[in-house]
Amino acid sequence: MQQARRLLLASAVAVALTACGQKAEQPKDQAAAAPAETVVKIGHAAPLSGPIGHIGKDTEYGVAIALDEANAEHLTIGGQKVKFEMVSEDDQGDPKAATQVAQRFVDQKIAGIVGHLTSGPTITASKIYADAGIPQITPSSTNPAYTAQGFKTAFRLIADDSQQGKAIANYVVNKLGMKKLAIIDDRTAYGQGLADEFEKAAKALGADIVKREFTNDKATDFTAILTSIKGVNPDAIFYGGMDAQGGPMARQMQKLGIKSRLIGGDGLQSPVFLQLAGDAAEGQFSTQAGAPKDQQPGYTAFADKLKAKYKQEIQMYATYAYDSAKVLIEAMKKADSVDPAKYLPALAQTQYSGATGDIAFDNKGDRKNAAVTVYQVKAGKWEVVDVVGGSAANAPEKSQ
């Protein structure tokens, strides 16, 4: 009898546990029935360490903010809810490292690339992306060779070196009246490419290049080069390179008593140049391959977002990286697909109003109506002194 009672009690407990188990599993079944979420990976590549790591982090922040905003919209593309994730890689500013980064992106089936930051890595990686059919937008690389390759996947969001070189050469020769010029470059695809374009444009305007020297993008001591240049007493020294070298170069020019102006491209136009150069920055010139900040419709709003999230000021290209990511996502929305092969045609036909202004691409992938701004350091700050290009003519319609 006792054995029968024990069996009856055991059966009752089993039934109760089974019922509890069914109730516990109910939410899992309901969750499984919910629409699936597709993770869309956007690659970002730049130097995230080393002398210009601060500029690479700048573009990384721009991409991150763009993806955060897209995710806040809870987008559905191709009938699937999508979540964007950034995969950021340090290419060290090195073309060889960039090819390894690019192959990793391909292996991870990245849907689109924002990068690379500098021209050498951008150019070497572009062939890998083109072969894989992955769209690539550089927010900052200016060497004309990038889009001259004819890859349908290659796009650029700022003016190239030929535009920058002509703009600053015209300003230096025609507006400042400086015709005796020396040139230094850092031997990178960016620095040498910009210096070559400046030299070509300056010579065409009647300038005399009295000295051409070179260094590298890791150097910090320019005394020997500057001493050599001091002997020919140029009106100005053009430097093709980045702020990490330009700042110390300006200080060493001051120490050597060189009165020539230091002039550079967008690689110098940063707060870090001002910090590194100190009072030697005063009166120096640079260009920026884009419209003046106060003429970029979304600059202030984006700068506020960056400061709120990362407690940082914009260094150089964060706004352009932000717009690059936005343009990739906009093309996916218009094509109703995150498949690179399907949204690439929509990307080529971009008509988008971004933080940096109206964005459309020509048949090479370069931005139409790209502006170049000339800056000078006045009272310790970069001030706009001239703007070339950037016409609003034929501007695309505003996106919603």
Protein backbone atom coordinates (compact mmCIF):
# COMPACT_ATOMS: atom_id res chain seq x y z
CA MET A 1 0.00 0.00 0.00
CA GLN A 2 2.79 2.39 0.93
CA GLN A 3 4.56 1.53 -2.29
CA ALA A 4 1.40 2.41 -4.26
CA ARG A 5 1.16 5.76 -2.48
CA ARG A 6 4.82 6.49 -3.30
CA LEU A 7 4.23 5.70 -6.98
CA LEU A 8 1.14 7.91 -7.05
CA LEU A 9 3.04 10.79 -5.42
CA ALA A 10 5.96 10.42 -7.85
CA SER A 11 3.59 10.53 -10.82
CA ALA A 12 1.95 13.70 -9.50
CA VAL A 13 5.34 15.39 -9.04
CA ALA A 14 6.40 14.40 -12.58
CA VAL A 15 3.22 15.84 -14.05
CA ALA A 16 3.73 19.09 -12.11
CA LEU A 17 7.36 19.41 -13.20
CA THR A 18 6.43 18.75 -16.82
CA ALA A 19 3.76 21.43 -16.68
CA CYS A 20 6.25 23.89 -15.14
CA GLY A 21 8.74 23.04 -17.83
CA GLN A 22 6.22 23.73 -20.56
CA LYS A 23 5.40 27.11 -19.06
CA ALA A 24 9.09 28.00 -18.77
CA GLU A 25 9.70 27.15 -22.42
CA GLN A 26 6.75 29.21 -23.69
CA PRO A 27 8.68 32.53 -23.97
CA LYS A 28 11.46 30.76 -25.88
CA ASP A 29 8.99 29.56 -28.48
CA GLN A 30 7.52 33.03 -28.76
CA ALA A 31 10.99 34.57 -29.09
CA ALA A 32 11.86 32.14 -31.86
CA ALA A 33 8.84 33.32 -33.79
CA ALA A 34 10.01 36.97 -33.68
CA PRO A 35 11.50 38.41 -36.89
CA ALA A 36 15.21 37.66 -37.25
CA GLU A 37 17.75 40.50 -37.01
CA THR A 38 20.48 40.72 -39.65
CA VAL A 39 23.85 42.03 -38.50
CA VAL A 40 25.45 44.24 -41.15
CA LYS A 41 29.18 44.81 -40.65
CA ILE A 42 30.75 48.09 -41.76
CA GLY A 43 34.54 48.14 -41.88
CA HIS A 44 36.67 51.08 -40.78
CA ALA A 45 40.41 51.18 -41.43
CA ALA A 46 42.96 53.80 -40.37
CA PRO A 47 46.09 54.19 -38.26
CA LEU A 48 44.78 53.76 -34.71
CA SER A 49 48.23 53.86 -33.14
CA GLY A 50 51.46 55.72 -33.80
CA PRO A 51 52.06 59.41 -34.68
CA ILE A 52 48.70 59.97 -36.40
CA GLY A 53 46.62 57.55 -34.35
CA HIS A 54 44.59 60.53 -33.12
CA ILE A 55 43.38 61.16 -36.67
CA GLY A 56 42.45 57.50 -37.14
CA LYS A 57 40.44 57.54 -33.91
CA ASP A 58 38.78 60.71 -35.19
CA THR A 59 37.36 58.88 -38.23
CA GLU A 60 36.49 55.84 -36.12
CA TYR A 61 34.34 58.04 -33.89
CA GLY A 62 32.59 59.46 -36.94
CA VAL A 63 31.63 56.01 -38.22
CA ALA A 64 30.51 54.86 -34.76
CA ILE A 65 28.14 57.81 -34.36
CA ALA A 66 26.63 57.23 -37.81
CA LEU A 67 25.98 53.56 -37.04
CA ASP A 68 24.49 54.40 -33.64
CA GLU A 69 22.04 56.76 -35.32
CA ALA A 70 21.10 54.18 -37.95
CA ASN A 71 20.48 51.56 -35.28
CA ALA A 72 18.28 53.99 -33.38
CA GLU A 73 16.00 54.08 -36.47
CA HIS A 74 15.35 50.30 -36.18
CA LEU A 75 15.66 49.93 -39.93
CA THR A 76 14.16 47.13 -41.99
CA ILE A 77 16.02 46.42 -45.24
CA GLY A 78 15.07 43.62 -47.61
CA GLY A 79 12.33 42.53 -45.23
CA GLN A 80 14.79 41.99 -42.36
CA LYS A 81 15.47 44.06 -39.29
CA VAL A 82 19.09 45.18 -39.48
CA LYS A 83 21.68 46.08 -36.89
CA PHE A 84 24.88 47.78 -38.00
CA GLU A 85 28.18 46.90 -36.36
CA MET A 86 31.55 48.52 -36.95
CA VAL A 87 34.65 46.39 -37.40
CA SER A 88 37.60 48.76 -36.95
CA GLU A 89 41.17 47.80 -37.87
CA ASP A 90 44.52 49.51 -37.36
CA ASP A 91 46.33 49.60 -40.73
CA GLN A 92 49.26 51.49 -39.12
CA GLY A 93 49.30 53.84 -42.10
CA ASP A 94 51.24 51.13 -43.91
CA PRO A 95 50.25 49.87 -47.39
CA LYS A 96 51.40 46.31 -46.63
CA ALA A 97 49.45 46.14 -43.38
CA ALA A 98 46.46 47.59 -45.23
CA THR A 99 46.33 44.64 -47.63
CA GLN A 100 46.15 42.26 -44.66
CA VAL A 101 43.37 44.34 -43.13
CA ALA A 102 41.50 44.36 -46.42
CA GLN A 103 41.69 40.58 -46.76
CA ARG A 104 40.36 40.15 -43.23
CA PHE A 105 37.44 42.40 -44.10
CA VAL A 106 36.70 40.30 -47.18
CA ASP A 107 36.88 37.09 -45.15
CA GLN A 108 34.44 38.56 -42.60
CA LYS A 109 32.00 39.48 -45.39
CA ILE A 110 32.04 43.16 -44.53
CA ALA A 111 29.22 44.95 -46.37
CA GLY A 112 31.04 48.26 -46.94
CA ILE A 113 34.26 50.06 -46.04
CA VAL A 114 34.91 53.53 -44.68
CA GLY A 115 38.64 54.03 -45.26
CA HIS A 116 41.43 53.92 -45.45
CA LEU A 117 42.65 57.17 -43.92
CA THR A 118 45.87 57.78 -45.86
CA SER A 119 46.44 57.39 -49.58
CA GLY A 120 49.00 54.57 -49.68
CA PRO A 121 46.87 52.09 -47.73
CA THR A 122 43.72 53.24 -49.54
CA ILE A 123 45.22 52.55 -52.95
CA THR A 124 46.74 49.15 -52.13
CA ALA A 125 43.60 47.91 -50.37
CA SER A 126 41.26 49.13 -53.12
CA LYS A 127 42.20 46.30 -55.51
CA ILE A 128 41.21 43.71 -52.89
CA TYR A 129 37.87 45.40 -52.28
CA ALA A 130 37.25 45.76 -56.01
CA ASP A 131 37.94 42.06 -56.63
CA ALA A 132 35.51 41.18 -53.83
CA GLY A 133 32.90 43.70 -55.01
CA ILE A 134 32.84 45.57 -51.68
CA PRO A 135 32.12 49.33 -51.86
CA GLN A 136 34.82 51.55 -50.33
CA ILE A 137 34.51 55.24 -49.45
CA THR A 138 37.59 57.07 -48.26
CA PRO A 139 36.79 60.10 -46.11
CA SER A 140 40.30 61.51 -46.36
CA SER A 141 42.66 60.00 -48.97
CA THR A 142 43.50 62.57 -51.60
CA ASN A 143 45.93 60.94 -54.06
CA PRO A 144 44.29 61.06 -57.54
CA ALA A 145 45.61 57.56 -58.33
CA TYR A 146 42.95 56.01 -56.06
CA THR A 147 39.97 56.74 -58.32
CA ALA A 148 42.06 56.81 -61.51
CA GLN A 149 42.32 53.00 -61.34
CA GLY A 150 38.77 52.69 -62.65
CA PHE A 151 37.39 50.49 -59.84
CA LYS A 152 33.61 50.74 -59.66
CA THR A 153 33.79 50.15 -55.88
CA ALA A 154 36.05 53.17 -55.15
CA PHE A 155 34.60 56.48 -53.90
CA ARG A 156 36.13 59.60 -52.35
CA LEU A 157 34.35 62.16 -50.16
CA ILE A 158 36.85 65.05 -50.34
CA ALA A 159 38.82 66.95 -52.97
CA ASP A 160 41.92 65.24 -54.36
CA ASP A 161 45.56 66.40 -54.43
CA SER A 162 45.35 67.95 -57.88
CA GLN A 163 42.59 70.25 -56.63
CA GLN A 164 44.41 70.99 -53.35
CA GLY A 165 47.76 71.52 -55.07
CA LYS A 166 46.30 74.01 -57.54
CA ALA A 167 44.35 75.87 -54.84
CA ILE A 168 47.27 76.44 -52.49
CA ALA A 169 49.78 77.13 -55.28
CA ASN A 170 47.44 79.79 -56.68
CA TYR A 171 47.05 81.35 -53.23
CA VAL A 172 50.79 81.32 -52.47
CA VAL A 173 51.97 82.58 -55.86
CA ASN A 174 49.19 84.91 -56.98
CA LYS A 175 47.73 86.20 -53.69
CA LEU A 176 50.79 86.16 -51.43
CA GLY A 177 53.26 86.92 -54.21
CA MET A 178 55.67 84.19 -53.10
CA LYS A 179 57.58 82.75 -56.05
CA LYS A 180 60.78 81.38 -54.51
CA LEU A 181 59.71 78.08 -52.98
CA ALA A 182 61.21 75.01 -51.27
CA ILE A 183 59.40 71.69 -50.95
CA ILE A 184 59.70 68.85 -48.43
CA ASP A 185 57.62 65.66 -48.49
CA ASP A 186 57.37 62.57 -46.30
CA ARG A 187 57.63 60.03 -49.18
CA THR A 188 54.16 58.63 -48.52
CA ALA A 189 51.60 58.36 -51.30
CA TYR A 190 49.77 61.27 -49.69
CA GLY A 191 52.70 63.55 -48.86
CA GLN A 192 54.70 63.04 -52.03
CA GLY A 193 51.59 63.09 -54.20
CA LEU A 194 50.42 66.42 -52.78
CA ALA A 195 53.92 67.90 -53.01
CA ASP A 196 54.17 66.85 -56.66
CA GLU A 197 50.83 68.48 -57.47
CA PHE A 198 51.84 71.67 -55.64
CA GLU A 199 55.16 71.80 -57.50
CA LYS A 200 53.49 71.28 -60.87
CA ALA A 201 50.88 73.98 -60.23
CA ALA A 202 53.40 76.44 -58.75
CA LYS A 203 55.76 76.08 -61.71
CA ALA A 204 52.86 76.63 -64.12
CA LEU A 205 52.21 79.93 -62.31
CA GLY A 206 55.84 81.02 -62.73
CA ALA A 207 57.28 80.05 -59.34
CA ASP A 208 60.87 78.86 -58.92
CA ILE A 209 61.38 75.66 -56.88
CA VAL A 210 64.78 76.34 -55.33
CA LYS A 211 65.00 73.18 -53.21
CA ARG A 212 63.23 69.80 -53.06
CA GLU A 213 63.94 67.61 -50.03
CA PHE A 214 62.30 64.60 -48.39
CA THR A 215 61.99 62.96 -45.00
CA ASN A 216 59.72 60.16 -43.70
CA ASP A 217 56.46 59.98 -41.79
CA LYS A 218 58.17 58.83 -38.56
CA ALA A 219 60.86 61.54 -38.39
CA THR A 220 61.02 64.20 -35.68
CA ASP A 221 64.34 65.95 -36.39
CA PHE A 222 64.45 68.10 -39.53
CA THR A 223 67.46 70.24 -38.63
CA ALA A 224 69.72 69.05 -41.47
CA ILE A 225 67.03 69.50 -44.13
CA LEU A 226 65.98 72.91 -42.83
CA THR A 227 69.59 74.11 -42.55
CA SER A 228 70.10 73.21 -46.20
CA ILE A 229 66.93 75.07 -47.16
CA LYS A 230 67.85 78.12 -45.06
CA GLY A 231 70.85 78.63 -47.31
CA VAL A 232 68.63 79.33 -50.36
CA ASN A 233 66.28 81.64 -48.40
CA PRO A 234 62.90 80.72 -49.94
CA ASP A 235 59.75 82.79 -49.47
CA ALA A 236 57.90 79.68 -48.32
CA ILE A 237 58.48 76.01 -47.54
CA PHE A 238 55.75 73.61 -48.63
CA TYR A 239 55.49 70.41 -46.58
CA GLY A 240 53.64 67.38 -47.90
CA GLY A 241 52.88 65.34 -44.81
CA MET A 242 50.97 65.18 -41.54
CA ASP A 243 50.67 67.28 -38.38
CA ALA A 244 52.88 64.96 -36.28
CA GLN A 245 55.89 66.06 -38.38
CA GLY A 246 54.65 69.51 -39.42
CA GLY A 247 54.40 70.77 -35.83
CA PRO A 248 58.01 69.96 -34.86
CA MET A 249 59.15 71.24 -38.27
CA ALA A 250 57.61 74.65 -37.58
CA ARG A 251 59.33 74.80 -34.16
CA GLN A 252 62.70 73.88 -35.68
CA MET A 253 62.26 76.52 -38.41
CA GLN A 254 61.74 79.11 -35.67
CA LYS A 255 64.77 77.87 -33.72
CA LEU A 256 66.97 78.12 -36.84
CA GLY A 257 65.76 81.65 -37.53
CA ILE A 258 64.06 80.71 -40.81
CA LYS A 259 61.62 83.46 -41.77
CA SER A 260 59.94 81.51 -44.59
CA ARG A 261 56.29 80.59 -44.18
CA LEU A 262 55.46 76.92 -43.67
CA ILE A 263 52.63 75.79 -45.95
CA GLY A 264 50.95 72.39 -46.00
CA GLY A 265 47.91 70.47 -47.09
CA ASP A 266 45.08 69.03 -45.04
CA GLY A 267 47.55 66.90 -43.09
CA LEU A 268 48.58 70.01 -41.13
CA GLN A 269 45.13 71.50 -40.59
CA SER A 270 44.45 70.16 -37.11
CA PRO A 271 44.47 71.15 -33.43
CA VAL A 272 47.47 68.85 -32.92
CA PHE A 273 49.60 70.92 -35.31
CA LEU A 274 48.82 73.99 -33.21
CA GLN A 275 49.76 72.14 -30.02
CA LEU A 276 53.01 70.71 -31.41
CA ALA A 277 54.12 73.91 -33.13
CA GLY A 278 53.26 76.24 -30.24
CA ASP A 279 53.86 79.89 -31.05
CA ALA A 280 55.78 78.82 -34.17
CA ALA A 281 52.39 77.99 -35.72
CA GLU A 282 51.47 81.67 -35.98
CA GLY A 283 51.16 82.85 -39.58
CA GLN A 284 51.56 79.40 -41.17
CA PHE A 285 49.20 78.16 -43.89
CA SER A 286 47.42 74.94 -44.81
CA THR A 287 44.57 73.75 -46.98
CA GLN A 288 41.66 71.50 -46.15
CA ALA A 289 40.06 69.35 -48.84
CA GLY A 290 36.56 70.45 -47.94
CA ALA A 291 34.37 73.46 -47.30
CA PRO A 292 35.01 75.71 -44.27
CA LYS A 293 33.55 74.30 -41.09
CA ASP A 294 30.99 77.08 -40.75
CA GLN A 295 29.77 76.33 -44.27
CA GLN A 296 29.22 72.64 -43.57
CA PRO A 297 25.52 72.39 -42.66
CA GLY A 298 25.89 69.67 -40.06
CA TYR A 299 29.35 70.45 -38.64
CA THR A 300 28.27 72.06 -35.37
CA ALA A 301 25.60 69.45 -34.61
CA PHE A 302 28.04 66.63 -35.30
CA ALA A 303 30.80 68.26 -33.25
CA ASP A 304 28.38 68.42 -30.33
CA LYS A 305 27.56 64.71 -30.71
CA LEU A 306 31.26 63.80 -30.82
CA LYS A 307 32.04 65.84 -27.73
CA ALA A 308 29.07 64.43 -25.83
CA LYS A 309 29.95 60.81 -26.57
CA TYR A 310 33.75 60.80 -26.64
CA LYS A 311 34.74 64.05 -24.88
CA GLN A 312 36.81 64.93 -27.95
CA GLU A 313 37.01 67.75 -30.49
CA ILE A 314 37.00 67.02 -34.22
CA GLN A 315 40.60 66.56 -35.37
CA MET A 316 40.24 66.49 -39.16
CA TYR A 317 38.03 63.98 -40.91
CA ALA A 318 35.44 62.74 -38.39
CA THR A 319 32.62 64.58 -40.17
CA TYR A 320 33.63 63.08 -43.51
CA ALA A 321 33.80 59.58 -42.01
CA TYR A 322 30.36 60.14 -40.50
CA ASP A 323 28.97 61.13 -43.91
CA SER A 324 30.75 58.19 -45.59
CA ALA A 325 28.96 55.71 -43.33
CA LYS A 326 25.67 57.57 -43.80
CA VAL A 327 26.02 57.39 -47.59
CA LEU A 328 26.67 53.62 -47.48
CA ILE A 329 23.54 53.09 -45.37
CA GLU A 330 21.45 55.40 -47.54
CA ALA A 331 22.42 53.36 -50.63
CA MET A 332 21.38 50.15 -48.86
CA LYS A 333 18.01 51.70 -47.98
CA LYS A 334 17.41 52.84 -51.55
CA ALA A 335 18.38 49.47 -53.00
CA ASP A 336 16.45 47.67 -50.23
CA SER A 337 19.43 45.38 -49.85
CA VAL A 338 22.60 45.08 -47.80
CA ASP A 339 24.18 42.93 -50.50
CA PRO A 340 27.13 44.94 -51.92
CA ALA A 341 26.40 43.80 -55.48
CA LYS A 342 22.83 45.07 -55.19
CA TYR A 343 23.37 48.39 -53.43
CA LEU A 344 26.56 49.42 -55.32
CA PRO A 345 24.59 50.92 -58.27
CA ALA A 346 22.55 53.01 -55.82
CA LEU A 347 25.78 54.19 -54.17
CA ALA A 348 27.15 55.40 -57.52
CA GLN A 349 23.95 57.43 -58.02
CA THR A 350 24.08 58.98 -54.53
CA GLN A 351 22.14 62.21 -54.05
CA TYR A 352 22.50 62.95 -50.35
CA SER A 353 22.63 66.01 -48.14
CA GLY A 354 25.09 65.26 -45.36
CA ALA A 355 26.83 67.02 -42.51
CA THR A 356 29.58 68.15 -44.93
CA GLY A 357 27.11 69.36 -47.57
CA ASP A 358 25.56 67.95 -50.71
CA ILE A 359 27.11 64.68 -51.83
CA ALA A 360 27.13 63.19 -55.33
CA PHE A 361 29.84 61.29 -57.20
CA ASP A 362 31.19 61.66 -60.73
CA ASN A 363 31.86 58.70 -63.00
CA LYS A 364 35.27 58.07 -61.37
CA GLY A 365 33.85 58.02 -57.85
CA ASP A 366 35.13 61.47 -56.86
CA ARG A 367 32.85 63.90 -55.09
CA LYS A 368 31.30 66.49 -57.38
CA ASN A 369 31.88 70.18 -56.61
CA ALA A 370 34.43 69.39 -53.91
CA ALA A 371 35.72 72.50 -52.14
CA VAL A 372 39.25 73.36 -51.00
CA THR A 373 39.70 75.83 -48.13
CA VAL A 374 42.89 77.76 -47.37
CA TYR A 375 43.60 78.45 -43.68
CA GLN A 376 46.13 80.56 -41.81
CA VAL A 377 46.99 80.47 -38.11
CA LYS A 378 45.95 83.76 -36.55
CA ALA A 379 46.10 84.35 -32.79
CA GLY A 380 46.65 80.63 -32.26
CA LYS A 381 43.66 79.47 -34.30
CA TRP A 382 43.11 78.26 -37.85
CA GLU A 383 41.23 81.00 -39.74
CA VAL A 384 39.73 80.74 -43.24
CA VAL A 385 41.47 83.00 -45.76
CA ASP A 386 40.20 81.60 -49.08
CA VAL A 387 37.79 79.02 -50.51
CA VAL A 388 38.10 77.40 -53.93
CA GLY A 389 35.28 75.36 -55.51
CA GLY A 390 32.38 73.83 -53.63
CA SER A 391 29.75 75.48 -55.79
CA ALA A 392 26.16 74.69 -54.90
CA ALA A 393 25.33 74.54 -58.59
CA ASN A 394 23.57 71.35 -59.60
CA ALA A 395 23.38 70.33 -55.95
CA PRO A 396 21.37 67.18 -55.25
CA GLU A 397 17.98 67.26 -53.65
CA LYS A 398 17.86 67.11 -49.88
CA SER A 399 17.44 63.61 -48.47
CA GLN A 400 14.87 62.98 -45.80
